[in-house]
Amino acid sequence: EPALSPGLAMRILDELRGNGSRRVLVPDRGNVALS
């Protein structure tokens, strides 16, 4: 069985679900959700 961190598992699920957003890490602003 694959060993996935919960964060990675959520990213994969989000991609498969096609939720239409990506997160970018922005200095001094944290994660920002972009389509």
PDB file of all heavy atoms in Angstrom:
ATOM      1  N   GLU A   1       0.849  -1.190   0.000  1.00  0.00           N
ATOM      2  CA  GLU A   1       0.000   0.000   0.000  1.00  0.00           C
ATOM      3  C   GLU A   1       0.886   1.242   0.000  1.00  0.00           C
ATOM      4  O   GLU A   1       1.963   1.241   0.586  1.00  0.00           O
ATOM      5  CB  GLU A   1      -0.899   0.013   1.242  1.00  0.00           C
ATOM      6  CG  GLU A   1      -1.884  -1.139   1.284  1.00  0.00           C
ATOM      7  CD  GLU A   1      -2.664  -1.185   2.601  1.00  0.00           C
ATOM      8  OE1 GLU A   1      -2.611  -0.207   3.368  1.00  0.00           O
ATOM      9  OE2 GLU A   1      -3.316  -2.203   2.836  1.00  0.00           O
ATOM     10  N   PRO A   2       0.433   2.324  -0.652  1.00  0.00           N
ATOM     11  CA  PRO A   2       1.243   3.544  -0.671  1.00  0.00           C
ATOM     12  C   PRO A   2       1.215   4.252   0.682  1.00  0.00           C
ATOM     13  O   PRO A   2       0.204   4.227   1.387  1.00  0.00           O
ATOM     14  CB  PRO A   2       0.590   4.408  -1.741  1.00  0.00           C
ATOM     15  CG  PRO A   2      -0.814   3.926  -1.802  1.00  0.00           C
ATOM     16  CD  PRO A   2      -0.778   2.459  -1.456  1.00  0.00           C
ATOM     17  N   ALA A   3       2.326   4.846   1.034  1.00  0.00           N
ATOM     18  CA  ALA A   3       2.405   5.639   2.262  1.00  0.00           C
ATOM     19  C   ALA A   3       2.318   7.109   1.875  1.00  0.00           C
ATOM     20  O   ALA A   3       3.219   7.645   1.246  1.00  0.00           O
ATOM     21  CB  ALA A   3       3.711   5.356   2.988  1.00  0.00           C
ATOM     22  N   LEU A   4       1.214   7.750   2.210  1.00  0.00           N
ATOM     23  CA  LEU A   4       1.010   9.150   1.876  1.00  0.00           C
ATOM     24  C   LEU A   4       0.757   9.952   3.139  1.00  0.00           C
ATOM     25  O   LEU A   4       0.028   9.507   4.027  1.00  0.00           O
ATOM     26  CB  LEU A   4      -0.203   9.318   0.954  1.00  0.00           C
ATOM     27  CG  LEU A   4      -0.161   8.620  -0.395  1.00  0.00           C
ATOM     28  CD1 LEU A   4      -1.493   8.795  -1.109  1.00  0.00           C
ATOM     29  CD2 LEU A   4       0.958   9.185  -1.236  1.00  0.00           C
ATOM     30  N   SER A   5       1.335  11.148   3.171  1.00  0.00           N
ATOM     31  CA  SER A   5       1.023  12.045   4.277  1.00  0.00           C
ATOM     32  C   SER A   5      -0.410  12.530   4.099  1.00  0.00           C
ATOM     33  O   SER A   5      -0.921  12.561   2.972  1.00  0.00           O
ATOM     34  CB  SER A   5       1.975  13.235   4.283  1.00  0.00           C
ATOM     35  OG  SER A   5       1.701  14.076   3.178  1.00  0.00           O
ATOM     36  N   PRO A   6      -1.072  12.920   5.160  1.00  0.00           N
ATOM     37  CA  PRO A   6      -2.440  13.430   5.016  1.00  0.00           C
ATOM     38  C   PRO A   6      -2.521  14.634   4.078  1.00  0.00           C
ATOM     39  O   PRO A   6      -3.454  14.759   3.296  1.00  0.00           O
ATOM     40  CB  PRO A   6      -2.832  13.818   6.442  1.00  0.00           C
ATOM     41  CG  PRO A   6      -1.985  12.948   7.314  1.00  0.00           C
ATOM     42  CD  PRO A   6      -0.692  12.780   6.566  1.00  0.00           C
ATOM     43  N   GLY A   7      -1.510  15.506   4.124  1.00  0.00           N
ATOM     44  CA  GLY A   7      -1.503  16.676   3.244  1.00  0.00           C
ATOM     45  C   GLY A   7      -1.416  16.292   1.781  1.00  0.00           C
ATOM     46  O   GLY A   7      -2.132  16.837   0.938  1.00  0.00           O
ATOM     47  N   LEU A   8      -0.537  15.349   1.478  1.00  0.00           N
ATOM     48  CA  LEU A   8      -0.401  14.894   0.098  1.00  0.00           C
ATOM     49  C   LEU A   8      -1.659  14.177  -0.360  1.00  0.00           C
ATOM     50  O   LEU A   8      -2.124  14.371  -1.485  1.00  0.00           O
ATOM     51  CB  LEU A   8       0.821  13.983  -0.045  1.00  0.00           C
ATOM     52  CG  LEU A   8       1.096  13.435  -1.442  1.00  0.00           C
ATOM     53  CD1 LEU A   8       1.244  14.556  -2.455  1.00  0.00           C
ATOM     54  CD2 LEU A   8       2.336  12.558  -1.422  1.00  0.00           C
ATOM     55  N   ALA A   9      -2.223  13.378   0.505  1.00  0.00           N
ATOM     56  CA  ALA A   9      -3.462  12.674   0.167  1.00  0.00           C
ATOM     57  C   ALA A   9      -4.573  13.671  -0.159  1.00  0.00           C
ATOM     58  O   ALA A   9      -5.325  13.487  -1.133  1.00  0.00           O
ATOM     59  CB  ALA A   9      -3.885  11.756   1.301  1.00  0.00           C
ATOM     60  N   MET A  10      -4.665  14.762   0.604  1.00  0.00           N
ATOM     61  CA  MET A  10      -5.694  15.776   0.351  1.00  0.00           C
ATOM     62  C   MET A  10      -5.443  16.476  -0.991  1.00  0.00           C
ATOM     63  O   MET A  10      -6.386  16.746  -1.734  1.00  0.00           O
ATOM     64  CB  MET A  10      -5.740  16.809   1.482  1.00  0.00           C
ATOM     65  CG  MET A  10      -6.367  16.274   2.759  1.00  0.00           C
ATOM     66  SD  MET A  10      -8.026  15.591   2.526  1.00  0.00           S
ATOM     67  CE  MET A  10      -8.918  17.026   1.989  1.00  0.00           C
ATOM     68  N   ARG A  11      -4.186  16.766  -1.300  1.00  0.00           N
ATOM     69  CA  ARG A  11      -3.880  17.405  -2.585  1.00  0.00           C
ATOM     70  C   ARG A  11      -4.266  16.504  -3.744  1.00  0.00           C
ATOM     71  O   ARG A  11      -4.826  16.956  -4.743  1.00  0.00           O
ATOM     72  CB  ARG A  11      -2.395  17.758  -2.661  1.00  0.00           C
ATOM     73  CG  ARG A  11      -2.035  18.948  -1.801  1.00  0.00           C
ATOM     74  CD  ARG A  11      -0.585  19.308  -1.910  1.00  0.00           C
ATOM     75  NE  ARG A  11      -0.267  19.745  -3.267  1.00  0.00           N
ATOM     76  CZ  ARG A  11       0.960  19.966  -3.682  1.00  0.00           C
ATOM     77  NH1 ARG A  11       1.980  19.771  -2.877  1.00  0.00           N
ATOM     78  NH2 ARG A  11       1.191  20.366  -4.915  1.00  0.00           N
ATOM     79  N   ILE A  12      -3.988  15.228  -3.615  1.00  0.00           N
ATOM     80  CA  ILE A  12      -4.348  14.280  -4.672  1.00  0.00           C
ATOM     81  C   ILE A  12      -5.861  14.206  -4.822  1.00  0.00           C
ATOM     82  O   ILE A  12      -6.390  14.234  -5.928  1.00  0.00           O
ATOM     83  CB  ILE A  12      -3.741  12.891  -4.383  1.00  0.00           C
ATOM     84  CG1 ILE A  12      -2.213  12.948  -4.532  1.00  0.00           C
ATOM     85  CG2 ILE A  12      -4.337  11.827  -5.312  1.00  0.00           C
ATOM     86  CD1 ILE A  12      -1.498  11.719  -4.022  1.00  0.00           C
ATOM     87  N   LEU A  13      -6.561  14.123  -3.702  1.00  0.00           N
ATOM     88  CA  LEU A  13      -8.022  14.077  -3.753  1.00  0.00           C
ATOM     89  C   LEU A  13      -8.596  15.345  -4.363  1.00  0.00           C
ATOM     90  O   LEU A  13      -9.547  15.292  -5.155  1.00  0.00           O
ATOM     91  CB  LEU A  13      -8.604  13.844  -2.356  1.00  0.00           C
ATOM     92  CG  LEU A  13      -8.438  12.439  -1.806  1.00  0.00           C
ATOM     93  CD1 LEU A  13      -8.923  12.378  -0.356  1.00  0.00           C
ATOM     94  CD2 LEU A  13      -9.192  11.437  -2.657  1.00  0.00           C
ATOM     95  N   ASP A  14      -8.032  16.498  -4.002  1.00  0.00           N
ATOM     96  CA  ASP A  14      -8.498  17.760  -4.580  1.00  0.00           C
ATOM     97  C   ASP A  14      -8.320  17.761  -6.088  1.00  0.00           C
ATOM     98  O   ASP A  14      -9.204  18.203  -6.825  1.00  0.00           O
ATOM     99  CB  ASP A  14      -7.742  18.946  -3.972  1.00  0.00           C
ATOM    100  CG  ASP A  14      -8.217  19.290  -2.575  1.00  0.00           C
ATOM    101  OD1 ASP A  14      -9.294  18.816  -2.172  1.00  0.00           O
ATOM    102  OD2 ASP A  14      -7.495  20.040  -1.885  1.00  0.00           O
ATOM    103  N   GLU A  15      -7.176  17.271  -6.561  1.00  0.00           N
ATOM    104  CA  GLU A  15      -6.931  17.204  -7.998  1.00  0.00           C
ATOM    105  C   GLU A  15      -7.932  16.275  -8.680  1.00  0.00           C
ATOM    106  O   GLU A  15      -8.472  16.582  -9.732  1.00  0.00           O
ATOM    107  CB  GLU A  15      -5.509  16.730  -8.292  1.00  0.00           C
ATOM    108  CG  GLU A  15      -4.447  17.753  -8.003  1.00  0.00           C
ATOM    109  CD  GLU A  15      -4.527  18.950  -8.928  1.00  0.00           C
ATOM    110  OE1 GLU A  15      -4.775  18.765 -10.138  1.00  0.00           O
ATOM    111  OE2 GLU A  15      -4.350  20.068  -8.436  1.00  0.00           O
ATOM    112  N   LEU A  16      -8.153  15.119  -8.075  1.00  0.00           N
ATOM    113  CA  LEU A  16      -9.084  14.157  -8.661  1.00  0.00           C
ATOM    114  C   LEU A  16     -10.513  14.674  -8.658  1.00  0.00           C
ATOM    115  O   LEU A  16     -11.278  14.407  -9.573  1.00  0.00           O
ATOM    116  CB  LEU A  16      -9.002  12.815  -7.923  1.00  0.00           C
ATOM    117  CG  LEU A  16      -7.686  12.049  -8.107  1.00  0.00           C
ATOM    118  CD1 LEU A  16      -7.662  10.820  -7.201  1.00  0.00           C
ATOM    119  CD2 LEU A  16      -7.499  11.653  -9.559  1.00  0.00           C
ATOM    120  N   ARG A  17     -10.858  15.408  -7.625  1.00  0.00           N
ATOM    121  CA  ARG A  17     -12.207  15.982  -7.538  1.00  0.00           C
ATOM    122  C   ARG A  17     -12.364  17.164  -8.478  1.00  0.00           C
ATOM    123  O   ARG A  17     -13.477  17.588  -8.757  1.00  0.00           O
ATOM    124  CB  ARG A  17     -12.488  16.439  -6.109  1.00  0.00           C
ATOM    125  CG  ARG A  17     -12.691  15.317  -5.141  1.00  0.00           C
ATOM    126  CD  ARG A  17     -13.012  15.855  -3.755  1.00  0.00           C
ATOM    127  NE  ARG A  17     -13.032  14.781  -2.802  1.00  0.00           N
ATOM    128  CZ  ARG A  17     -12.518  14.839  -1.577  1.00  0.00           C
ATOM    129  NH1 ARG A  17     -11.943  15.952  -1.166  1.00  0.00           N
ATOM    130  NH2 ARG A  17     -12.565  13.810  -0.778  1.00  0.00           N
ATOM    131  N   GLY A  18     -11.238  17.705  -8.916  1.00  0.00           N
ATOM    132  CA  GLY A  18     -11.306  18.848  -9.822  1.00  0.00           C
ATOM    133  C   GLY A  18     -11.875  20.071  -9.165  1.00  0.00           C
ATOM    134  O   GLY A  18     -12.685  20.772  -9.727  1.00  0.00           O
ATOM    135  N   ASN A  19     -11.427  20.358  -7.942  1.00  0.00           N
ATOM    136  CA  ASN A  19     -11.995  21.485  -7.212  1.00  0.00           C
ATOM    137  C   ASN A  19     -11.604  22.833  -7.810  1.00  0.00           C
ATOM    138  O   ASN A  19     -12.096  23.858  -7.402  1.00  0.00           O
ATOM    139  CB  ASN A  19     -11.622  21.424  -5.731  1.00  0.00           C
ATOM    140  CG  ASN A  19     -10.178  21.785  -5.467  1.00  0.00           C
ATOM    141  OD1 ASN A  19      -9.348  21.835  -6.362  1.00  0.00           O
ATOM    142  ND2 ASN A  19      -9.872  22.042  -4.215  1.00  0.00           N
ATOM    143  N   GLY A  20     -10.706  22.819  -8.796  1.00  0.00           N
ATOM    144  CA  GLY A  20     -10.418  24.037  -9.525  1.00  0.00           C
ATOM    145  C   GLY A  20      -9.555  25.048  -8.820  1.00  0.00           C
ATOM    146  O   GLY A  20      -9.578  26.211  -9.174  1.00  0.00           O
ATOM    147  N   SER A  21      -8.795  24.663  -7.813  1.00  0.00           N
ATOM    148  CA  SER A  21      -7.923  25.637  -7.184  1.00  0.00           C
ATOM    149  C   SER A  21      -6.556  25.043  -6.898  1.00  0.00           C
ATOM    150  O   SER A  21      -6.403  23.834  -6.757  1.00  0.00           O
ATOM    151  CB  SER A  21      -8.536  26.188  -5.900  1.00  0.00           C
ATOM    152  OG  SER A  21      -8.539  25.208  -4.898  1.00  0.00           O
ATOM    153  N   ARG A  22      -5.599  25.938  -6.851  1.00  0.00           N
ATOM    154  CA  ARG A  22      -4.226  25.583  -6.515  1.00  0.00           C
ATOM    155  C   ARG A  22      -3.774  26.543  -5.439  1.00  0.00           C
ATOM    156  O   ARG A  22      -4.208  27.683  -5.390  1.00  0.00           O
ATOM    157  CB  ARG A  22      -3.303  25.748  -7.722  1.00  0.00           C
ATOM    158  CG  ARG A  22      -3.653  24.884  -8.885  1.00  0.00           C
ATOM    159  CD  ARG A  22      -2.662  23.727  -8.973  1.00  0.00           C
ATOM    160  NE  ARG A  22      -3.158  22.717  -9.866  1.00  0.00           N
ATOM    161  CZ  ARG A  22      -2.716  22.514 -11.088  1.00  0.00           C
ATOM    162  NH1 ARG A  22      -1.764  23.263 -11.567  1.00  0.00           N
ATOM    163  NH2 ARG A  22      -3.220  21.557 -11.830  1.00  0.00           N
ATOM    164  N   ARG A  23      -2.902  26.081  -4.603  1.00  0.00           N
ATOM    165  CA  ARG A  23      -2.357  26.947  -3.566  1.00  0.00           C
ATOM    166  C   ARG A  23      -0.929  27.312  -3.921  1.00  0.00           C
ATOM    167  O   ARG A  23      -0.171  26.472  -4.371  1.00  0.00           O
ATOM    168  CB  ARG A  23      -2.393  26.250  -2.218  1.00  0.00           C
ATOM    169  CG  ARG A  23      -3.810  25.963  -1.780  1.00  0.00           C
ATOM    170  CD  ARG A  23      -3.950  26.236  -0.301  1.00  0.00           C
ATOM    171  NE  ARG A  23      -5.332  26.142   0.086  1.00  0.00           N
ATOM    172  CZ  ARG A  23      -6.096  27.196   0.317  1.00  0.00           C
ATOM    173  NH1 ARG A  23      -5.612  28.398   0.213  1.00  0.00           N
ATOM    174  NH2 ARG A  23      -7.343  27.052   0.674  1.00  0.00           N
ATOM    175  N   VAL A  24      -0.611  28.589  -3.737  1.00  0.00           N
ATOM    176  CA  VAL A  24       0.756  29.040  -3.931  1.00  0.00           C
ATOM    177  C   VAL A  24       1.254  29.599  -2.613  1.00  0.00           C
ATOM    178  O   VAL A  24       0.497  30.211  -1.861  1.00  0.00           O
ATOM    179  CB  VAL A  24       0.882  30.095  -5.057  1.00  0.00           C
ATOM    180  CG1 VAL A  24       0.541  29.496  -6.398  1.00  0.00           C
ATOM    181  CG2 VAL A  24       0.033  31.307  -4.778  1.00  0.00           C
ATOM    182  N   LEU A  25       2.500  29.349  -2.307  1.00  0.00           N
ATOM    183  CA  LEU A  25       3.113  29.864  -1.094  1.00  0.00           C
ATOM    184  C   LEU A  25       3.693  31.226  -1.412  1.00  0.00           C
ATOM    185  O   LEU A  25       4.566  31.364  -2.268  1.00  0.00           O
ATOM    186  CB  LEU A  25       4.205  28.921  -0.594  1.00  0.00           C
ATOM    187  CG  LEU A  25       4.943  29.370   0.655  1.00  0.00           C
ATOM    188  CD1 LEU A  25       3.965  29.515   1.826  1.00  0.00           C
ATOM    189  CD2 LEU A  25       6.040  28.381   1.006  1.00  0.00           C
ATOM    190  N   VAL A  26       3.175  32.244  -0.729  1.00  0.00           N
ATOM    191  CA  VAL A  26       3.598  33.614  -0.971  1.00  0.00           C
ATOM    192  C   VAL A  26       4.302  34.130   0.282  1.00  0.00           C
ATOM    193  O   VAL A  26       3.745  34.049   1.379  1.00  0.00           O
ATOM    194  CB  VAL A  26       2.383  34.511  -1.298  1.00  0.00           C
ATOM    195  CG1 VAL A  26       2.828  35.922  -1.590  1.00  0.00           C
ATOM    196  CG2 VAL A  26       1.599  33.940  -2.466  1.00  0.00           C
ATOM    197  N   PRO A  27       5.516  34.656   0.119  1.00  0.00           N
ATOM    198  CA  PRO A  27       6.241  35.180   1.274  1.00  0.00           C
ATOM    199  C   PRO A  27       5.410  36.205   2.034  1.00  0.00           C
ATOM    200  O   PRO A  27       4.770  37.063   1.427  1.00  0.00           O
ATOM    201  CB  PRO A  27       7.475  35.839   0.654  1.00  0.00           C
ATOM    202  CG  PRO A  27       7.632  35.191  -0.674  1.00  0.00           C
ATOM    203  CD  PRO A  27       6.249  34.831  -1.124  1.00  0.00           C
ATOM    204  N   ASP A  28       5.401  36.096   3.331  1.00  0.00           N
ATOM    205  CA  ASP A  28       4.705  37.020   4.231  1.00  0.00           C
ATOM    206  C   ASP A  28       3.185  37.020   4.079  1.00  0.00           C
ATOM    207  O   ASP A  28       2.503  37.827   4.669  1.00  0.00           O
ATOM    208  CB  ASP A  28       5.221  38.460   4.061  1.00  0.00           C
ATOM    209  CG  ASP A  28       6.722  38.561   4.234  1.00  0.00           C
ATOM    210  OD1 ASP A  28       7.264  37.865   5.106  1.00  0.00           O
ATOM    211  OD2 ASP A  28       7.353  39.323   3.487  1.00  0.00           O
ATOM    212  N   ARG A  29       2.647  36.108   3.234  1.00  0.00           N
ATOM    213  CA  ARG A  29       1.198  36.038   3.055  1.00  0.00           C
ATOM    214  C   ARG A  29       0.677  34.616   3.227  1.00  0.00           C
ATOM    215  O   ARG A  29      -0.510  34.394   3.185  1.00  0.00           O
ATOM    216  CB  ARG A  29       0.820  36.560   1.664  1.00  0.00           C
ATOM    217  CG  ARG A  29       1.076  38.046   1.499  1.00  0.00           C
ATOM    218  CD  ARG A  29       0.784  38.478   0.076  1.00  0.00           C
ATOM    219  NE  ARG A  29       1.061  39.875  -0.112  1.00  0.00           N
ATOM    220  CZ  ARG A  29       2.221  40.371  -0.490  1.00  0.00           C
ATOM    221  NH1 ARG A  29       3.236  39.580  -0.708  1.00  0.00           N
ATOM    222  NH2 ARG A  29       2.382  41.659  -0.654  1.00  0.00           N
ATOM    223  N   GLY A  30       1.564  33.649   3.351  1.00  0.00           N
ATOM    224  CA  GLY A  30       1.153  32.260   3.513  1.00  0.00           C
ATOM    225  C   GLY A  30       0.661  31.668   2.206  1.00  0.00           C
ATOM    226  O   GLY A  30       1.086  32.053   1.133  1.00  0.00           O
ATOM    227  N   ASN A  31      -0.259  30.734   2.318  1.00  0.00           N
ATOM    228  CA  ASN A  31      -0.829  30.082   1.140  1.00  0.00           C
ATOM    229  C   ASN A  31      -1.962  30.920   0.579  1.00  0.00           C
ATOM    230  O   ASN A  31      -2.820  31.384   1.307  1.00  0.00           O
ATOM    231  CB  ASN A  31      -1.373  28.696   1.497  1.00  0.00           C
ATOM    232  CG  ASN A  31      -0.265  27.691   1.683  1.00  0.00           C
ATOM    233  OD1 ASN A  31       0.667  27.647   0.900  1.00  0.00           O
ATOM    234  ND2 ASN A  31      -0.360  26.891   2.725  1.00  0.00           N
ATOM    235  N   VAL A  32      -1.951  31.092  -0.741  1.00  0.00           N
ATOM    236  CA  VAL A  32      -3.007  31.834  -1.428  1.00  0.00           C
ATOM    237  C   VAL A  32      -3.636  30.886  -2.435  1.00  0.00           C
ATOM    238  O   VAL A  32      -2.931  30.224  -3.198  1.00  0.00           O
ATOM    239  CB  VAL A  32      -2.431  33.077  -2.147  1.00  0.00           C
ATOM    240  CG1 VAL A  32      -3.504  33.778  -2.951  1.00  0.00           C
ATOM    241  CG2 VAL A  32      -1.800  34.025  -1.134  1.00  0.00           C
ATOM    242  N   ALA A  33      -4.962  30.805  -2.435  1.00  0.00           N
ATOM    243  CA  ALA A  33      -5.673  29.926  -3.363  1.00  0.00           C
ATOM    244  C   ALA A  33      -5.892  30.644  -4.690  1.00  0.00           C
ATOM    245  O   ALA A  33      -6.481  31.720  -4.728  1.00  0.00           O
ATOM    246  CB  ALA A  33      -7.007  29.497  -2.778  1.00  0.00           C
ATOM    247  N   LEU A  34      -5.385  30.057  -5.754  1.00  0.00           N
ATOM    248  CA  LEU A  34      -5.624  30.551  -7.106  1.00  0.00           C
ATOM    249  C   LEU A  34      -6.379  29.481  -7.871  1.00  0.00           C
ATOM    250  O   LEU A  34      -6.192  28.292  -7.622  1.00  0.00           O
ATOM    251  CB  LEU A  34      -4.298  30.820  -7.829  1.00  0.00           C
ATOM    252  CG  LEU A  34      -3.360  31.868  -7.250  1.00  0.00           C
ATOM    253  CD1 LEU A  34      -2.092  31.950  -8.098  1.00  0.00           C
ATOM    254  CD2 LEU A  34      -4.029  33.220  -7.158  1.00  0.00           C
ATOM    255  N   SER A  35      -7.202  29.907  -8.813  1.00  0.00           N
ATOM    256  CA  SER A  35      -7.839  28.921  -9.681  1.00  0.00           C
ATOM    257  C   SER A  35      -6.751  28.270 -10.531  1.00  0.00           C
ATOM    258  O   SER A  35      -5.639  28.803 -10.658  1.00  0.00           O
ATOM    259  CB  SER A  35      -8.884  29.583 -10.581  1.00  0.00           C
ATOM    260  OG  SER A  35      -8.247  30.351 -11.583  1.00  0.00           O
TER     261      SER A  35
END
